[in-house]
């Protein structure tokens, strides 16, 4: 069984594409195929030594959920599972998608919200990412001048996605000891 589980929520499919890109970079021996968070139980996350979790940010900073047109692939529906989930000893990296031009005041806020839930479960959070190269006003996903995970803006910086994913994966592989 692969050591790294990749789970994501999405609304347009962009987060799914980035999750697949991450898995391809890591390879089948290291990472399992990415899975929509709506297709798993909380215990499915515990089957992996390491986790990579991804989310877009919708509207004014929300995780994908009931309010979106594509709620069948949401984090919001999964969030109650975090109440009893113990991720102590698990290394977890996050990635988030956002639009820094149209939502500069809520840029990747969904990533910050997901971080709070996962960190509260005792996970060892890895994969912080520099804010350099982004132009936004505010984000709940920033701590000490770093994003809480990899940030992808496919709307305005799609040309940087491959390079960012590649650099970030080398970083988290080292942080996870892979």
Protein backbone atom coordinates (compact mmCIF):
# COMPACT_ATOMS: atom_id res chain seq x y z
CA UNK A 1 0.00 0.00 0.00
CA UNK A 2 1.15 3.53 -0.78
CA UNK A 3 2.39 5.63 2.14
CA UNK A 4 0.77 8.91 1.05
CA UNK A 5 -2.97 9.40 0.82
CA UNK A 6 -4.20 12.31 -1.29
CA UNK A 7 -7.71 13.62 -0.61
CA UNK A 8 -9.43 16.71 -1.96
CA UNK A 9 -12.67 18.64 -2.19
CA UNK A 10 -13.51 20.56 -5.34
CA UNK A 11 -16.20 22.50 -7.14
CA UNK A 12 -14.94 22.94 -10.71
CA UNK A 13 -12.46 20.07 -10.96
CA UNK A 14 -9.32 22.22 -10.76
CA UNK A 15 -8.39 20.88 -7.32
CA UNK A 16 -8.82 17.33 -8.63
CA UNK A 17 -6.41 18.12 -11.48
CA UNK A 18 -3.76 19.46 -9.09
CA UNK A 19 -4.23 16.40 -6.83
CA UNK A 20 -3.64 14.14 -9.84
CA UNK A 21 -0.58 16.16 -10.79
CA UNK A 22 0.80 15.73 -7.25
CA UNK A 23 0.21 11.98 -7.38
CA UNK A 24 1.92 11.69 -10.76
CA UNK A 25 4.98 13.51 -9.44
CA UNK A 26 5.15 11.23 -6.39
CA UNK A 27 4.46 8.04 -8.35
CA UNK A 28 2.27 5.01 -7.71
CA UNK A 29 4.69 3.37 -5.27
CA UNK A 30 4.67 6.36 -2.94
CA UNK A 31 1.20 7.88 -3.33
CA UNK A 32 -2.26 6.43 -3.77
CA UNK A 33 -4.59 7.78 -6.44
CA UNK A 34 -6.31 10.98 -5.27
CA UNK A 35 -9.80 10.55 -3.84
CA UNK A 36 -12.68 12.99 -3.45
CA UNK A 37 -13.24 13.57 0.24
CA UNK A 38 -16.94 12.76 -0.24
CA UNK A 39 -16.02 9.15 -1.09
CA UNK A 40 -14.26 8.31 2.18
CA UNK A 41 -14.83 7.73 5.86
CA UNK A 42 -12.60 9.32 8.50
CA UNK A 43 -10.85 5.98 9.10
CA UNK A 44 -9.70 5.95 5.47
CA UNK A 45 -7.35 8.82 6.28
CA UNK A 46 -5.84 6.83 9.13
CA UNK A 47 -4.73 4.09 6.72
CA UNK A 48 -1.87 6.29 5.47
CA UNK A 49 1.35 7.33 7.16
CA UNK A 50 1.26 10.71 5.39
CA UNK A 51 -1.57 12.83 4.02
CA UNK A 52 -1.86 15.52 1.38
CA UNK A 53 -5.19 17.35 1.51
CA UNK A 54 -6.41 19.90 -1.00
CA UNK A 55 -9.21 22.41 -1.30
CA UNK A 56 -10.32 25.37 -3.37
CA UNK A 57 -11.68 28.52 -1.80
CA UNK A 58 -15.17 29.47 -2.89
CA UNK A 59 -16.80 32.89 -2.92
CA UNK A 60 -15.89 34.84 0.16
CA UNK A 61 -13.52 32.31 1.67
CA UNK A 62 -15.56 29.14 2.09
CA UNK A 63 -14.61 25.53 1.70
CA UNK A 64 -16.62 23.76 -0.99
CA UNK A 65 -19.87 22.61 0.54
CA UNK A 66 -23.61 22.68 0.67
CA UNK A 67 -23.83 26.23 -0.66
CA UNK A 68 -22.03 25.31 -3.90
CA UNK A 69 -23.58 23.74 -6.97
CA UNK A 70 -21.22 20.77 -6.73
CA UNK A 71 -21.67 19.84 -3.08
CA UNK A 72 -21.12 16.14 -3.68
CA UNK A 73 -17.39 16.80 -3.60
CA UNK A 74 -17.19 18.92 -0.48
CA UNK A 75 -15.07 19.36 2.59
CA UNK A 76 -17.98 20.94 4.44
CA UNK A 77 -19.78 17.61 4.57
CA UNK A 78 -16.65 15.89 5.88
CA UNK A 79 -15.81 18.46 8.59
CA UNK A 80 -17.84 16.78 11.39
CA UNK A 81 -15.52 13.77 11.04
CA UNK A 82 -12.67 15.90 12.40
CA UNK A 83 -14.41 16.07 15.79
CA UNK A 84 -13.34 12.51 16.65
CA UNK A 85 -10.36 12.08 14.31
CA UNK A 86 -6.95 11.64 15.95
CA UNK A 87 -4.15 12.47 13.52
CA UNK A 88 -1.43 12.51 16.18
CA UNK A 89 1.81 11.31 14.63
CA UNK A 90 0.61 11.85 11.05
CA UNK A 91 2.45 14.32 8.87
CA UNK A 92 -0.02 16.30 6.80
CA UNK A 93 0.59 18.78 3.99
CA UNK A 94 -2.12 20.97 2.49
CA UNK A 95 -2.61 22.66 -0.84
CA UNK A 96 -5.21 25.20 -1.79
CA UNK A 97 -6.49 26.91 -4.90
CA UNK A 98 -7.64 30.50 -5.05
CA UNK A 99 -7.98 33.59 -7.20
CA UNK A 100 -5.82 36.46 -5.96
CA UNK A 101 -7.19 38.97 -8.49
CA UNK A 102 -10.94 38.56 -8.00
CA UNK A 103 -10.75 37.64 -4.29
CA UNK A 104 -7.74 39.53 -2.91
CA UNK A 105 -9.35 39.91 0.53
CA UNK A 106 -10.19 36.20 0.96
CA UNK A 107 -7.35 34.65 -1.02
CA UNK A 108 -7.19 30.90 -0.24
CA UNK A 109 -9.12 31.36 3.01
CA UNK A 110 -10.47 27.82 2.55
CA UNK A 111 -6.92 26.53 2.99
CA UNK A 112 -6.69 28.33 6.33
CA UNK A 113 -10.00 26.87 7.46
CA UNK A 114 -8.96 23.33 6.51
CA UNK A 115 -5.62 23.84 8.27
CA UNK A 116 -7.40 24.71 11.52
CA UNK A 117 -9.49 21.52 11.44
CA UNK A 118 -6.54 19.26 10.63
CA UNK A 119 -4.11 20.83 13.10
CA UNK A 120 -6.74 20.56 15.86
CA UNK A 121 -6.66 16.78 15.33
CA UNK A 122 -3.03 16.67 16.40
CA UNK A 123 -1.43 16.36 12.96
CA UNK A 124 2.18 17.41 12.40
CA UNK A 125 1.63 20.07 9.74
CA UNK A 126 4.30 20.39 7.03
CA UNK A 127 4.56 22.10 3.68
CA UNK A 128 4.33 25.80 4.46
CA UNK A 129 4.85 27.91 1.34
CA UNK A 130 6.28 31.43 0.80
CA UNK A 131 3.91 34.29 0.02
CA UNK A 132 6.44 35.76 -2.44
CA UNK A 133 5.12 35.91 -5.99
CA UNK A 134 1.47 36.44 -5.03
CA UNK A 135 -0.44 39.73 -4.96
CA UNK A 136 -3.34 39.79 -2.50
CA UNK A 137 -4.60 41.89 0.40
CA UNK A 138 -5.55 39.35 3.06
CA UNK A 139 -5.64 35.63 3.64
CA UNK A 140 -6.59 33.43 6.59
CA UNK A 141 -4.07 30.95 5.18
CA UNK A 142 -1.04 33.05 6.14
CA UNK A 143 0.96 32.59 9.33
CA UNK A 144 4.32 34.29 9.98
CA UNK A 145 4.55 35.51 6.38
CA UNK A 146 4.04 32.02 4.94
CA UNK A 147 1.06 30.21 3.52
CA UNK A 148 -0.06 27.19 5.54
CA UNK A 149 0.42 25.03 2.44
CA UNK A 150 1.05 25.18 -1.28
CA UNK A 151 -1.04 27.85 -3.00
CA UNK A 152 -2.08 27.55 -6.63
CA UNK A 153 -3.81 30.30 -8.61
CA UNK A 154 -4.82 28.57 -11.86
CA UNK A 155 -6.86 31.60 -12.90
CA UNK A 156 -4.01 34.10 -12.93
CA UNK A 157 -0.75 32.14 -12.62
CA UNK A 158 -1.40 28.80 -14.32
CA UNK A 159 2.03 29.00 -15.94
CA UNK A 160 3.61 28.66 -12.47
CA UNK A 161 1.64 25.61 -11.33
CA UNK A 162 4.03 22.87 -12.52
CA UNK A 163 7.08 24.54 -11.05
CA UNK A 164 5.34 25.29 -7.73
CA UNK A 165 4.06 21.72 -7.41
CA UNK A 166 7.49 20.27 -8.18
CA UNK A 167 9.35 22.50 -5.69
CA UNK A 168 6.74 21.96 -2.98
CA UNK A 169 6.82 18.18 -3.37
CA UNK A 170 10.58 18.11 -2.92
CA UNK A 171 10.11 20.22 0.21
CA UNK A 172 7.41 18.04 1.75
CA UNK A 173 9.20 14.80 0.84
CA UNK A 174 12.13 16.07 2.92
CA UNK A 175 9.82 17.25 5.74
CA UNK A 176 8.00 13.91 5.76
CA UNK A 177 11.20 11.89 5.54
CA UNK A 178 10.22 10.19 2.29
